[in-house]
Amino acid sequence: MDILLIGGYRFLGRALILAAQARGHAVTAFNRGSLTPLAGVEQITGDRSVLDLPAGRRWDIAVDTSGYIPRDARRAADVLHDRVDRYAFVSSISVYPFPIPPNANETSALAEMPAGADPDDWRDVETYGARKVLCEAAIEARFPGRALIIRPGFIVGPHDNTDRFNSWIERAARPEPFIVPGDPEQPVQLIDVRDLAEWMIALAEGGATGVFNATGPERPATLREVAHACIAGTGSTAEPVVVPHDALKAAGVVPWEHVPFWLEPGEYGIMEANIDRALAAGLTFRPLIDTVRDTHAWLRSSDHPRRVVFPPELERAAVLEWMGN
């Protein structure tokens, strides 16, 4: 296949390129050119809001990892509707209205743009899911029967530039008490970027279309299981300590700001998406401990600039306060 990747070389884009090349496909990347292209990739530098492509060029499929506002999605669909056979759009599990109901599948109700909100304001985090819904609709309208819509959950693994799961791994690597927040049985769904990328390329090869939730594993893990995988995957002697919601908040710990993946009761649906369609289409998962081990190795060997998500001193203080009660 000849693949047009709309997006950069970070994380999912990087994994898609490597997965495609490993299977013998050619990749052209269209992006702002702010990073050095990966070996073997044809680089086209430009602004995706314009999507100015060389005249006469065609590709078998466009894979769009950087569509966040409907205006850009419509532009891309208009430019590419007769230049690619299919269009794969990376959307999000956030297209379902929050709090997402448990077992949400591809036919569940979708988020709607609030009255008066600007659908093309990418800075408004509250409308992220609704904007993705409109992006999906723009692609599907221009590519009826030729669109592949992927709705990932939380993507993790080597080269993750978000530091969400990285923060769990680096906390677990410290040989000291490691907070498991709130309910240790809270479900957690994560997908290794390499599993997602390899599956997406396989779908593209098979001519797949339609909508797929894409997260994992087959059975959601629990916070306790994730904590133990992080400890084992880093070879740490850390001890997990379960600290209830109220005690953490009293210590000044903020969900998601300090501890990613920590949810309030009633919000667990975002970690309980139905992935039956993806499983039937061949999505598989490596063990979480392998993801942890590989991500930890990358973190130790890379110059990735860390964003301190959960300050160690705050975690220690919260643990000491709780254990002293």
C-alpha atoms as a PDB file:
ATOM      1  CA  MET A   1       0.000   0.000   0.000  1.00  0.00           C
ATOM      2  CA  ASP A   2       0.910   3.628  -0.476  1.00  0.00           C
ATOM      3  CA  ILE A   3      -0.122   5.401   2.747  1.00  0.00           C
ATOM      4  CA  LEU A   4      -0.550   9.122   3.368  1.00  0.00           C
ATOM      5  CA  LEU A   5      -0.104   9.885   7.068  1.00  0.00           C
ATOM      6  CA  ILE A   6      -1.581  13.224   8.117  1.00  0.00           C
ATOM      7  CA  GLY A   7       0.292  13.969  11.317  1.00  0.00           C
ATOM      8  CA  GLY A   8       3.705  13.997  12.874  1.00  0.00           C
ATOM      9  CA  TYR A   9       6.319  11.515  14.023  1.00  0.00           C
ATOM     10  CA  ARG A  10       5.444  11.434  17.706  1.00  0.00           C
ATOM     11  CA  PHE A  11       3.946   8.396  19.407  1.00  0.00           C
ATOM     12  CA  LEU A  12       1.033   6.994  17.348  1.00  0.00           C
ATOM     13  CA  GLY A  13       2.304   8.488  14.095  1.00  0.00           C
ATOM     14  CA  ARG A  14       5.719   6.965  14.728  1.00  0.00           C
ATOM     15  CA  ALA A  15       4.224   3.573  15.595  1.00  0.00           C
ATOM     16  CA  LEU A  16       2.024   3.580  12.485  1.00  0.00           C
ATOM     17  CA  ILE A  17       4.992   4.360  10.242  1.00  0.00           C
ATOM     18  CA  LEU A  18       7.103   1.568  11.760  1.00  0.00           C
ATOM     19  CA  ALA A  19       4.229  -0.920  11.566  1.00  0.00           C
ATOM     20  CA  ALA A  20       3.542  -0.013   7.939  1.00  0.00           C
ATOM     21  CA  GLN A  21       7.192  -0.227   6.918  1.00  0.00           C
ATOM     22  CA  ALA A  22       7.596  -3.579   8.672  1.00  0.00           C
ATOM     23  CA  ARG A  23       4.829  -4.910   6.421  1.00  0.00           C
ATOM     24  CA  GLY A  24       6.372  -3.505   3.242  1.00  0.00           C
ATOM     25  CA  HIS A  25       4.222  -0.404   2.760  1.00  0.00           C
ATOM     26  CA  ALA A  26       5.350   3.046   1.616  1.00  0.00           C
ATOM     27  CA  VAL A  27       4.532   6.051   3.803  1.00  0.00           C
ATOM     28  CA  THR A  28       4.257   9.728   2.914  1.00  0.00           C
ATOM     29  CA  ALA A  29       3.912  12.014   5.937  1.00  0.00           C
ATOM     30  CA  PHE A  30       2.218  15.407   5.734  1.00  0.00           C
ATOM     31  CA  ASN A  31       2.952  17.633   8.742  1.00  0.00           C
ATOM     32  CA  ARG A  32       4.538  20.902   9.807  1.00  0.00           C
ATOM     33  CA  GLY A  33       8.024  19.487   9.534  1.00  0.00           C
ATOM     34  CA  SER A  34       8.977  20.340  13.106  1.00  0.00           C
ATOM     35  CA  LEU A  35      10.610  16.948  13.695  1.00  0.00           C
ATOM     36  CA  THR A  36      13.190  14.985  11.732  1.00  0.00           C
ATOM     37  CA  PRO A  37      11.418  12.487   9.433  1.00  0.00           C
ATOM     38  CA  LEU A  38      11.813   8.810  10.149  1.00  0.00           C
ATOM     39  CA  ALA A  39      14.032   6.889   7.746  1.00  0.00           C
ATOM     40  CA  GLY A  40      12.355   5.855   4.525  1.00  0.00           C
ATOM     41  CA  VAL A  41       9.435   8.285   4.841  1.00  0.00           C
ATOM     42  CA  GLU A  42       8.616  10.837   2.165  1.00  0.00           C
ATOM     43  CA  GLN A  43       8.068  14.172   3.909  1.00  0.00           C
ATOM     44  CA  ILE A  44       5.607  16.796   2.683  1.00  0.00           C
ATOM     45  CA  THR A  45       5.728  19.927   4.834  1.00  0.00           C
ATOM     46  CA  GLY A  46       2.638  22.058   5.173  1.00  0.00           C
ATOM     47  CA  ASP A  47      -0.347  23.235   7.192  1.00  0.00           C
ATOM     48  CA  ARG A  48      -3.133  20.675   7.481  1.00  0.00           C
ATOM     49  CA  SER A  49      -5.738  23.444   7.444  1.00  0.00           C
ATOM     50  CA  VAL A  50      -4.693  23.984   3.811  1.00  0.00           C
ATOM     51  CA  LEU A  51      -3.415  20.475   2.966  1.00  0.00           C
ATOM     52  CA  ASP A  52      -1.581  21.577  -0.141  1.00  0.00           C
ATOM     53  CA  LEU A  53      -0.443  18.310  -1.762  1.00  0.00           C
ATOM     54  CA  PRO A  54       1.641  17.755  -4.907  1.00  0.00           C
ATOM     55  CA  ALA A  55      -0.476  17.721  -8.052  1.00  0.00           C
ATOM     56  CA  GLY A  56      -1.338  14.325  -9.413  1.00  0.00           C
ATOM     57  CA  ARG A  57      -0.343  12.337  -6.343  1.00  0.00           C
ATOM     58  CA  ARG A  58      -2.613   9.528  -5.183  1.00  0.00           C
ATOM     59  CA  TRP A  59      -2.464   7.130  -2.246  1.00  0.00           C
ATOM     60  CA  ASP A  60      -4.302   3.965  -1.344  1.00  0.00           C
ATOM     61  CA  ILE A  61      -5.347   5.274   2.073  1.00  0.00           C
ATOM     62  CA  ALA A  62      -5.036   8.399   4.186  1.00  0.00           C
ATOM     63  CA  VAL A  63      -4.447   7.868   7.905  1.00  0.00           C
ATOM     64  CA  ASP A  64      -5.292  10.988   9.894  1.00  0.00           C
ATOM     65  CA  THR A  65      -3.868  11.159  13.424  1.00  0.00           C
ATOM     66  CA  SER A  66      -4.132  14.934  13.849  1.00  0.00           C
ATOM     67  CA  GLY A  67      -7.762  15.844  13.195  1.00  0.00           C
ATOM     68  CA  TYR A  68      -9.077  17.850  16.135  1.00  0.00           C
ATOM     69  CA  ILE A  69     -11.431  20.448  14.631  1.00  0.00           C
ATOM     70  CA  PRO A  70     -14.260  19.904  12.127  1.00  0.00           C
ATOM     71  CA  ARG A  71     -13.071  22.629   9.752  1.00  0.00           C
ATOM     72  CA  ASP A  72      -9.779  20.834   9.177  1.00  0.00           C
ATOM     73  CA  ALA A  73     -11.506  17.457   8.819  1.00  0.00           C
ATOM     74  CA  ARG A  74     -13.830  18.863   6.146  1.00  0.00           C
ATOM     75  CA  ARG A  75     -10.899  20.408   4.305  1.00  0.00           C
ATOM     76  CA  ALA A  76      -8.958  17.141   4.351  1.00  0.00           C
ATOM     77  CA  ALA A  77     -11.987  15.193   3.159  1.00  0.00           C
ATOM     78  CA  ASP A  78     -12.582  17.623   0.300  1.00  0.00           C
ATOM     79  CA  VAL A  79      -8.945  17.591  -0.812  1.00  0.00           C
ATOM     80  CA  LEU A  80      -8.558  13.822  -0.607  1.00  0.00           C
ATOM     81  CA  HIS A  81     -11.930  12.408  -1.625  1.00  0.00           C
ATOM     82  CA  ASP A  82     -10.719  11.551  -5.150  1.00  0.00           C
ATOM     83  CA  ARG A  83      -7.032  11.095  -4.276  1.00  0.00           C
ATOM     84  CA  VAL A  84      -7.282   8.199  -1.831  1.00  0.00           C
ATOM     85  CA  ASP A  85      -9.403   5.072  -1.898  1.00  0.00           C
ATOM     86  CA  ARG A  86     -10.129   5.138   1.841  1.00  0.00           C
ATOM     87  CA  TYR A  87      -9.753   7.495   4.774  1.00  0.00           C
ATOM     88  CA  ALA A  88      -8.806   6.241   8.261  1.00  0.00           C
ATOM     89  CA  PHE A  89      -9.517   8.748  11.005  1.00  0.00           C
ATOM     90  CA  VAL A  90      -8.179   8.459  14.545  1.00  0.00           C
ATOM     91  CA  SER A  91     -10.998   9.669  16.767  1.00  0.00           C
ATOM     92  CA  SER A  92     -11.422   9.020  20.505  1.00  0.00           C
ATOM     93  CA  ILE A  93     -13.424   7.094  23.065  1.00  0.00           C
ATOM     94  CA  SER A  94     -14.362  10.583  24.293  1.00  0.00           C
ATOM     95  CA  VAL A  95     -16.986  10.837  21.539  1.00  0.00           C
ATOM     96  CA  TYR A  96     -19.399   9.287  24.038  1.00  0.00           C
ATOM     97  CA  PRO A  97     -20.909  11.866  26.421  1.00  0.00           C
ATOM     98  CA  PHE A  98     -19.297  12.005  29.863  1.00  0.00           C
ATOM     99  CA  PRO A  99     -19.880  10.237  32.157  1.00  0.00           C
ATOM    100  CA  ILE A 100     -19.688   7.478  29.572  1.00  0.00           C
ATOM    101  CA  PRO A 101     -22.061   4.605  30.340  1.00  0.00           C
ATOM    102  CA  PRO A 102     -20.483   1.183  30.915  1.00  0.00           C
ATOM    103  CA  ASN A 103     -20.267  -1.031  27.825  1.00  0.00           C
ATOM    104  CA  ALA A 104     -20.651   1.854  25.363  1.00  0.00           C
ATOM    105  CA  ASN A 105     -20.394   0.478  21.838  1.00  0.00           C
ATOM    106  CA  GLU A 106     -20.106   1.981  18.375  1.00  0.00           C
ATOM    107  CA  THR A 107     -23.862   2.610  18.172  1.00  0.00           C
ATOM    108  CA  SER A 108     -24.160   4.383  21.538  1.00  0.00           C
ATOM    109  CA  ALA A 109     -25.251   8.016  21.768  1.00  0.00           C
ATOM    110  CA  LEU A 110     -22.562  10.561  20.924  1.00  0.00           C
ATOM    111  CA  ALA A 111     -21.534  13.830  22.543  1.00  0.00           C
ATOM    112  CA  GLU A 112     -23.107  17.030  21.229  1.00  0.00           C
ATOM    113  CA  MET A 113     -21.597  20.477  20.932  1.00  0.00           C
ATOM    114  CA  PRO A 114     -22.958  22.799  23.661  1.00  0.00           C
ATOM    115  CA  ALA A 115     -25.057  25.710  22.485  1.00  0.00           C
ATOM    116  CA  GLY A 116     -22.895  28.699  21.669  1.00  0.00           C
ATOM    117  CA  ALA A 117     -19.609  26.768  21.694  1.00  0.00           C
ATOM    118  CA  ASP A 118     -17.191  27.214  18.808  1.00  0.00           C
ATOM    119  CA  PRO A 119     -16.681  23.786  17.186  1.00  0.00           C
ATOM    120  CA  ASP A 120     -13.329  24.891  15.770  1.00  0.00           C
ATOM    121  CA  ASP A 121     -11.836  26.080  19.071  1.00  0.00           C
ATOM    122  CA  TRP A 122      -9.211  23.392  19.694  1.00  0.00           C
ATOM    123  CA  ARG A 123      -8.271  24.962  23.043  1.00  0.00           C
ATOM    124  CA  ASP A 124     -11.654  24.150  24.626  1.00  0.00           C
ATOM    125  CA  VAL A 125     -10.979  20.848  26.385  1.00  0.00           C
ATOM    126  CA  GLU A 126     -14.630  20.534  27.382  1.00  0.00           C
ATOM    127  CA  THR A 127     -15.698  20.139  23.745  1.00  0.00           C
ATOM    128  CA  TYR A 128     -12.946  17.713  22.712  1.00  0.00           C
ATOM    129  CA  GLY A 129     -15.297  14.733  22.358  1.00  0.00           C
ATOM    130  CA  ALA A 130     -18.025  16.680  20.560  1.00  0.00           C
ATOM    131  CA  ARG A 131     -15.439  18.084  18.138  1.00  0.00           C
ATOM    132  CA  LYS A 132     -14.240  14.562  17.363  1.00  0.00           C
ATOM    133  CA  VAL A 133     -17.860  13.580  16.661  1.00  0.00           C
ATOM    134  CA  LEU A 134     -18.130  16.382  14.095  1.00  0.00           C
ATOM    135  CA  CYS A 135     -14.782  15.394  12.572  1.00  0.00           C
ATOM    136  CA  GLU A 136     -16.015  11.815  12.153  1.00  0.00           C
ATOM    137  CA  ALA A 137     -19.200  13.067  10.495  1.00  0.00           C
ATOM    138  CA  ALA A 138     -17.222  15.247   8.066  1.00  0.00           C
ATOM    139  CA  ILE A 139     -15.071  12.315   6.976  1.00  0.00           C
ATOM    140  CA  GLU A 140     -17.974   9.895   6.663  1.00  0.00           C
ATOM    141  CA  ALA A 141     -20.016  12.400   4.639  1.00  0.00           C
ATOM    142  CA  ARG A 142     -17.271  12.721   2.015  1.00  0.00           C
ATOM    143  CA  PHE A 143     -16.214   9.064   2.120  1.00  0.00           C
ATOM    144  CA  PRO A 144     -19.466   7.090   2.376  1.00  0.00           C
ATOM    145  CA  GLY A 145     -18.593   3.417   2.654  1.00  0.00           C
ATOM    146  CA  ARG A 146     -14.876   4.286   2.455  1.00  0.00           C
ATOM    147  CA  ALA A 147     -14.185   5.624   5.959  1.00  0.00           C
ATOM    148  CA  LEU A 148     -12.464   3.775   8.786  1.00  0.00           C
ATOM    149  CA  ILE A 149     -13.073   5.432  12.152  1.00  0.00           C
ATOM    150  CA  ILE A 150     -10.924   4.308  15.094  1.00  0.00           C
ATOM    151  CA  ARG A 151     -11.924   5.377  18.615  1.00  0.00           C
ATOM    152  CA  PRO A 152      -8.952   4.651  20.885  1.00  0.00           C
ATOM    153  CA  GLY A 153      -9.051   4.795  24.642  1.00  0.00           C
ATOM    154  CA  PHE A 154      -5.903   5.712  26.551  1.00  0.00           C
ATOM    155  CA  ILE A 155      -2.832   4.940  24.447  1.00  0.00           C
ATOM    156  CA  VAL A 156       0.365   4.047  26.295  1.00  0.00           C
ATOM    157  CA  GLY A 157       3.808   2.665  25.553  1.00  0.00           C
ATOM    158  CA  PRO A 158       7.288   3.743  24.447  1.00  0.00           C
ATOM    159  CA  HIS A 159       7.584   7.292  23.053  1.00  0.00           C
ATOM    160  CA  ASP A 160       4.432   8.432  24.888  1.00  0.00           C
ATOM    161  CA  ASN A 161       4.730  12.216  25.095  1.00  0.00           C
ATOM    162  CA  THR A 162       1.713  12.709  27.418  1.00  0.00           C
ATOM    163  CA  ASP A 163       3.431  11.436  30.610  1.00  0.00           C
ATOM    164  CA  ARG A 164       0.141  10.060  31.922  1.00  0.00           C
ATOM    165  CA  PHE A 165       1.079   6.401  32.161  1.00  0.00           C
ATOM    166  CA  ASN A 166       4.766   7.281  32.245  1.00  0.00           C
ATOM    167  CA  SER A 167       4.110   8.874  35.625  1.00  0.00           C
ATOM    168  CA  TRP A 168       2.764   5.598  37.013  1.00  0.00           C
ATOM    169  CA  ILE A 169       5.830   3.746  35.756  1.00  0.00           C
ATOM    170  CA  GLU A 170       8.324   6.210  37.177  1.00  0.00           C
ATOM    171  CA  ARG A 171       6.483   6.353  40.517  1.00  0.00           C
ATOM    172  CA  ALA A 172       6.482   2.547  40.704  1.00  0.00           C
ATOM    173  CA  ALA A 173      10.216   2.435  39.984  1.00  0.00           C
ATOM    174  CA  ARG A 174      10.944   4.303  43.231  1.00  0.00           C
ATOM    175  CA  PRO A 175      11.516   1.806  46.105  1.00  0.00           C
ATOM    176  CA  GLU A 176       8.964   3.368  48.439  1.00  0.00           C
ATOM    177  CA  PRO A 177       5.193   3.300  49.105  1.00  0.00           C
ATOM    178  CA  PHE A 178       3.221   3.738  45.888  1.00  0.00           C
ATOM    179  CA  ILE A 179      -0.319   5.134  46.101  1.00  0.00           C
ATOM    180  CA  VAL A 180      -3.155   3.177  44.524  1.00  0.00           C
ATOM    181  CA  PRO A 181      -5.889   5.828  44.551  1.00  0.00           C
ATOM    182  CA  GLY A 182      -9.447   5.383  45.701  1.00  0.00           C
ATOM    183  CA  ASP A 183     -10.998   2.067  44.701  1.00  0.00           C
ATOM    184  CA  PRO A 184      -8.318  -0.531  43.890  1.00  0.00           C
ATOM    185  CA  GLU A 185     -10.921  -2.474  41.894  1.00  0.00           C
ATOM    186  CA  GLN A 186     -11.643   0.474  39.603  1.00  0.00           C
ATOM    187  CA  PRO A 187     -11.474  -0.749  35.977  1.00  0.00           C
ATOM    188  CA  VAL A 188      -8.680   0.485  33.715  1.00  0.00           C
ATOM    189  CA  GLN A 189      -8.512   0.212  29.925  1.00  0.00           C
ATOM    190  CA  LEU A 190      -5.227   0.986  28.152  1.00  0.00           C
ATOM    191  CA  ILE A 191      -3.801   0.031  24.774  1.00  0.00           C
ATOM    192  CA  ASP A 192      -0.153  -0.249  23.806  1.00  0.00           C
ATOM    193  CA  VAL A 193       0.541   2.104  20.902  1.00  0.00           C
ATOM    194  CA  ARG A 194       2.275  -0.716  19.012  1.00  0.00           C
ATOM    195  CA  ASP A 195      -0.753  -3.020  19.301  1.00  0.00           C
ATOM    196  CA  LEU A 196      -3.022  -0.235  18.074  1.00  0.00           C
ATOM    197  CA  ALA A 197      -0.753   0.692  15.161  1.00  0.00           C
ATOM    198  CA  GLU A 198      -0.160  -2.873  13.982  1.00  0.00           C
ATOM    199  CA  TRP A 199      -3.890  -3.598  14.095  1.00  0.00           C
ATOM    200  CA  MET A 200      -4.752  -0.408  12.199  1.00  0.00           C
ATOM    201  CA  ILE A 201      -2.307  -1.281   9.424  1.00  0.00           C
ATOM    202  CA  ALA A 202      -3.771  -4.785   9.252  1.00  0.00           C
ATOM    203  CA  LEU A 203      -7.268  -3.278   8.969  1.00  0.00           C
ATOM    204  CA  ALA A 204      -6.063  -1.022   6.169  1.00  0.00           C
ATOM    205  CA  GLU A 205      -4.569  -4.000   4.333  1.00  0.00           C
ATOM    206  CA  GLY A 206      -7.871  -5.839   4.581  1.00  0.00           C
ATOM    207  CA  GLY A 207      -9.928  -2.939   3.255  1.00  0.00           C
ATOM    208  CA  ALA A 208     -11.852  -2.516   6.513  1.00  0.00           C
ATOM    209  CA  THR A 209     -14.328   0.331   6.941  1.00  0.00           C
ATOM    210  CA  GLY A 210     -16.721   1.337   9.700  1.00  0.00           C
ATOM    211  CA  VAL A 211     -16.316   2.366  13.313  1.00  0.00           C
ATOM    212  CA  PHE A 212     -14.290   0.578  16.003  1.00  0.00           C
ATOM    213  CA  ASN A 213     -13.704   1.237  19.685  1.00  0.00           C
ATOM    214  CA  ALA A 214     -10.036   0.437  20.240  1.00  0.00           C
ATOM    215  CA  THR A 215      -8.803  -0.091  23.756  1.00  0.00           C
ATOM    216  CA  GLY A 216      -7.990  -3.036  25.949  1.00  0.00           C
ATOM    217  CA  PRO A 217      -7.340  -5.538  27.270  1.00  0.00           C
ATOM    218  CA  GLU A 218     -10.202  -7.971  26.609  1.00  0.00           C
ATOM    219  CA  ARG A 219     -11.164  -7.692  30.264  1.00  0.00           C
ATOM    220  CA  PRO A 220     -10.459  -4.326  31.891  1.00  0.00           C
ATOM    221  CA  ALA A 221      -7.636  -4.452  34.391  1.00  0.00           C
ATOM    222  CA  THR A 222      -8.009  -2.989  37.878  1.00  0.00           C
ATOM    223  CA  LEU A 223      -5.995  -0.180  39.421  1.00  0.00           C
ATOM    224  CA  ARG A 224      -4.446  -2.746  41.733  1.00  0.00           C
ATOM    225  CA  GLU A 225      -3.394  -4.924  38.796  1.00  0.00           C
ATOM    226  CA  VAL A 226      -1.959  -1.925  36.946  1.00  0.00           C
ATOM    227  CA  ALA A 227       0.043  -0.939  40.012  1.00  0.00           C
ATOM    228  CA  HIS A 228       1.476  -4.439  40.386  1.00  0.00           C
ATOM    229  CA  ALA A 229       2.343  -4.551  36.657  1.00  0.00           C
ATOM    230  CA  CYS A 230       4.169  -1.225  36.983  1.00  0.00           C
ATOM    231  CA  ILE A 231       6.135  -2.476  39.985  1.00  0.00           C
ATOM    232  CA  ALA A 232       6.995  -5.815  38.377  1.00  0.00           C
ATOM    233  CA  GLY A 233       7.831  -4.267  34.998  1.00  0.00           C
ATOM    234  CA  THR A 234      10.326  -1.856  36.561  1.00  0.00           C
ATOM    235  CA  GLY A 235      11.882  -4.464  38.853  1.00  0.00           C
ATOM    236  CA  SER A 236      10.998  -2.278  41.819  1.00  0.00           C
ATOM    237  CA  THR A 237      10.551  -3.122  45.479  1.00  0.00           C
ATOM    238  CA  ALA A 238       7.841  -0.486  45.866  1.00  0.00           C
ATOM    239  CA  GLU A 239       4.855  -1.336  48.032  1.00  0.00           C
ATOM    240  CA  PRO A 240       1.363  -0.410  46.782  1.00  0.00           C
ATOM    241  CA  VAL A 241      -0.699   1.472  49.374  1.00  0.00           C
ATOM    242  CA  VAL A 242      -4.436   1.900  48.794  1.00  0.00           C
ATOM    243  CA  VAL A 243      -5.545   5.356  49.930  1.00  0.00           C
ATOM    244  CA  PRO A 244      -9.269   6.263  49.794  1.00  0.00           C
ATOM    245  CA  HIS A 245     -10.613   9.144  47.713  1.00  0.00           C
ATOM    246  CA  ASP A 246     -11.407  11.410  50.667  1.00  0.00           C
ATOM    247  CA  ALA A 247      -8.011  10.950  52.298  1.00  0.00           C
ATOM    248  CA  LEU A 248      -6.181  11.772  49.082  1.00  0.00           C
ATOM    249  CA  LYS A 249      -8.240  14.877  48.448  1.00  0.00           C
ATOM    250  CA  ALA A 250      -7.707  16.022  52.033  1.00  0.00           C
ATOM    251  CA  ALA A 251      -3.962  15.746  51.382  1.00  0.00           C
ATOM    252  CA  GLY A 252      -4.289  17.963  48.296  1.00  0.00           C
ATOM    253  CA  VAL A 253      -4.088  15.219  45.652  1.00  0.00           C
ATOM    254  CA  VAL A 254      -6.143  16.030  42.534  1.00  0.00           C
ATOM    255  CA  PRO A 255      -7.527  13.310  40.209  1.00  0.00           C
ATOM    256  CA  TRP A 256      -5.906  13.397  36.739  1.00  0.00           C
ATOM    257  CA  GLU A 257      -3.782  16.423  37.600  1.00  0.00           C
ATOM    258  CA  HIS A 258      -1.616  14.414  40.001  1.00  0.00           C
ATOM    259  CA  VAL A 259      -2.802  10.837  39.463  1.00  0.00           C
ATOM    260  CA  PRO A 260      -3.922   9.963  35.923  1.00  0.00           C
ATOM    261  CA  PHE A 261      -6.583   7.246  35.522  1.00  0.00           C
ATOM    262  CA  TRP A 262      -8.035   7.925  38.990  1.00  0.00           C
ATOM    263  CA  LEU A 263     -11.804   8.196  38.595  1.00  0.00           C
ATOM    264  CA  GLU A 264     -14.697   8.989  40.880  1.00  0.00           C
ATOM    265  CA  PRO A 265     -17.397   6.327  41.387  1.00  0.00           C
ATOM    266  CA  GLY A 266     -19.917   6.760  38.593  1.00  0.00           C
ATOM    267  CA  GLU A 267     -17.219   7.709  36.066  1.00  0.00           C
ATOM    268  CA  TYR A 268     -15.887   4.211  35.418  1.00  0.00           C
ATOM    269  CA  GLY A 269     -17.613   3.871  32.042  1.00  0.00           C
ATOM    270  CA  ILE A 270     -14.701   5.578  30.266  1.00  0.00           C
ATOM    271  CA  MET A 271     -12.694   2.487  31.261  1.00  0.00           C
ATOM    272  CA  GLU A 272     -15.398  -0.036  30.339  1.00  0.00           C
ATOM    273  CA  ALA A 273     -15.900   0.499  26.605  1.00  0.00           C
ATOM    274  CA  ASN A 274     -17.247  -2.382  24.561  1.00  0.00           C
ATOM    275  CA  ILE A 275     -14.516  -3.611  22.199  1.00  0.00           C
ATOM    276  CA  ASP A 276     -16.269  -6.664  20.745  1.00  0.00           C
ATOM    277  CA  ARG A 277     -16.061  -5.306  17.178  1.00  0.00           C
ATOM    278  CA  ALA A 278     -12.332  -4.681  17.441  1.00  0.00           C
ATOM    279  CA  LEU A 279     -11.701  -8.119  18.931  1.00  0.00           C
ATOM    280  CA  ALA A 280     -13.674  -9.730  16.112  1.00  0.00           C
ATOM    281  CA  ALA A 281     -11.543  -7.717  13.662  1.00  0.00           C
ATOM    282  CA  GLY A 282      -8.328  -9.124  15.088  1.00  0.00           C
ATOM    283  CA  LEU A 283      -7.215  -6.649  17.778  1.00  0.00           C
ATOM    284  CA  THR A 284      -4.830  -8.347  20.213  1.00  0.00           C
ATOM    285  CA  PHE A 285      -2.867  -7.147  23.223  1.00  0.00           C
ATOM    286  CA  ARG A 286       0.590  -7.790  24.606  1.00  0.00           C
ATOM    287  CA  PRO A 287       0.805  -8.268  28.390  1.00  0.00           C
ATOM    288  CA  LEU A 288       0.743  -4.986  30.313  1.00  0.00           C
ATOM    289  CA  ILE A 289       3.996  -5.886  32.057  1.00  0.00           C
ATOM    290  CA  ASP A 290       5.707  -5.922  28.631  1.00  0.00           C
ATOM    291  CA  THR A 291       4.386  -2.427  27.912  1.00  0.00           C
ATOM    292  CA  VAL A 292       5.663  -1.254  31.288  1.00  0.00           C
ATOM    293  CA  ARG A 293       9.072  -2.873  30.813  1.00  0.00           C
ATOM    294  CA  ASP A 294       9.552  -1.410  27.326  1.00  0.00           C
ATOM    295  CA  THR A 295       8.314   2.042  28.328  1.00  0.00           C
ATOM    296  CA  HIS A 296      10.565   2.077  31.378  1.00  0.00           C
ATOM    297  CA  ALA A 297      13.562   1.141  29.214  1.00  0.00           C
ATOM    298  CA  TRP A 298      12.718   3.953  26.791  1.00  0.00           C
ATOM    299  CA  LEU A 299      12.327   6.474  29.625  1.00  0.00           C
ATOM    300  CA  ARG A 300      15.728   5.548  31.050  1.00  0.00           C
ATOM    301  CA  SER A 301      17.467   5.815  27.683  1.00  0.00           C
ATOM    302  CA  SER A 302      15.708   8.838  26.154  1.00  0.00           C
ATOM    303  CA  ASP A 303      16.003  12.578  26.528  1.00  0.00           C
ATOM    304  CA  HIS A 304      12.198  12.879  26.689  1.00  0.00           C
ATOM    305  CA  PRO A 305      11.503  15.990  28.811  1.00  0.00           C
ATOM    306  CA  ARG A 306       9.576  14.818  31.864  1.00  0.00           C
ATOM    307  CA  ARG A 307       6.528  16.656  33.152  1.00  0.00           C
ATOM    308  CA  VAL A 308       6.288  15.879  36.863  1.00  0.00           C
ATOM    309  CA  VAL A 309       2.690  14.741  37.190  1.00  0.00           C
ATOM    310  CA  PHE A 310       2.640  13.631  40.830  1.00  0.00           C
ATOM    311  CA  PRO A 311       5.354  15.377  42.867  1.00  0.00           C
ATOM    312  CA  PRO A 312       7.128  12.728  44.984  1.00  0.00           C
ATOM    313  CA  GLU A 313       6.920  14.871  48.102  1.00  0.00           C
ATOM    314  CA  LEU A 314       3.126  15.145  47.762  1.00  0.00           C
ATOM    315  CA  GLU A 315       2.780  11.394  47.330  1.00  0.00           C
ATOM    316  CA  ARG A 316       4.993  10.726  50.350  1.00  0.00           C
ATOM    317  CA  ALA A 317       3.030  13.196  52.471  1.00  0.00           C
ATOM    318  CA  ALA A 318      -0.279  11.652  51.484  1.00  0.00           C
ATOM    319  CA  VAL A 319       0.968   8.152  52.272  1.00  0.00           C
ATOM    320  CA  LEU A 320       2.363   9.229  55.662  1.00  0.00           C
ATOM    321  CA  GLU A 321      -0.848  11.066  56.571  1.00  0.00           C
ATOM    322  CA  TRP A 322      -2.972   8.058  55.655  1.00  0.00           C
ATOM    323  CA  MET A 323      -0.743   5.464  57.332  1.00  0.00           C
ATOM    324  CA  GLY A 324      -0.675   7.604  60.480  1.00  0.00           C
ATOM    325  CA  ASN A 325      -4.473   7.512  60.789  1.00  0.00           C
END
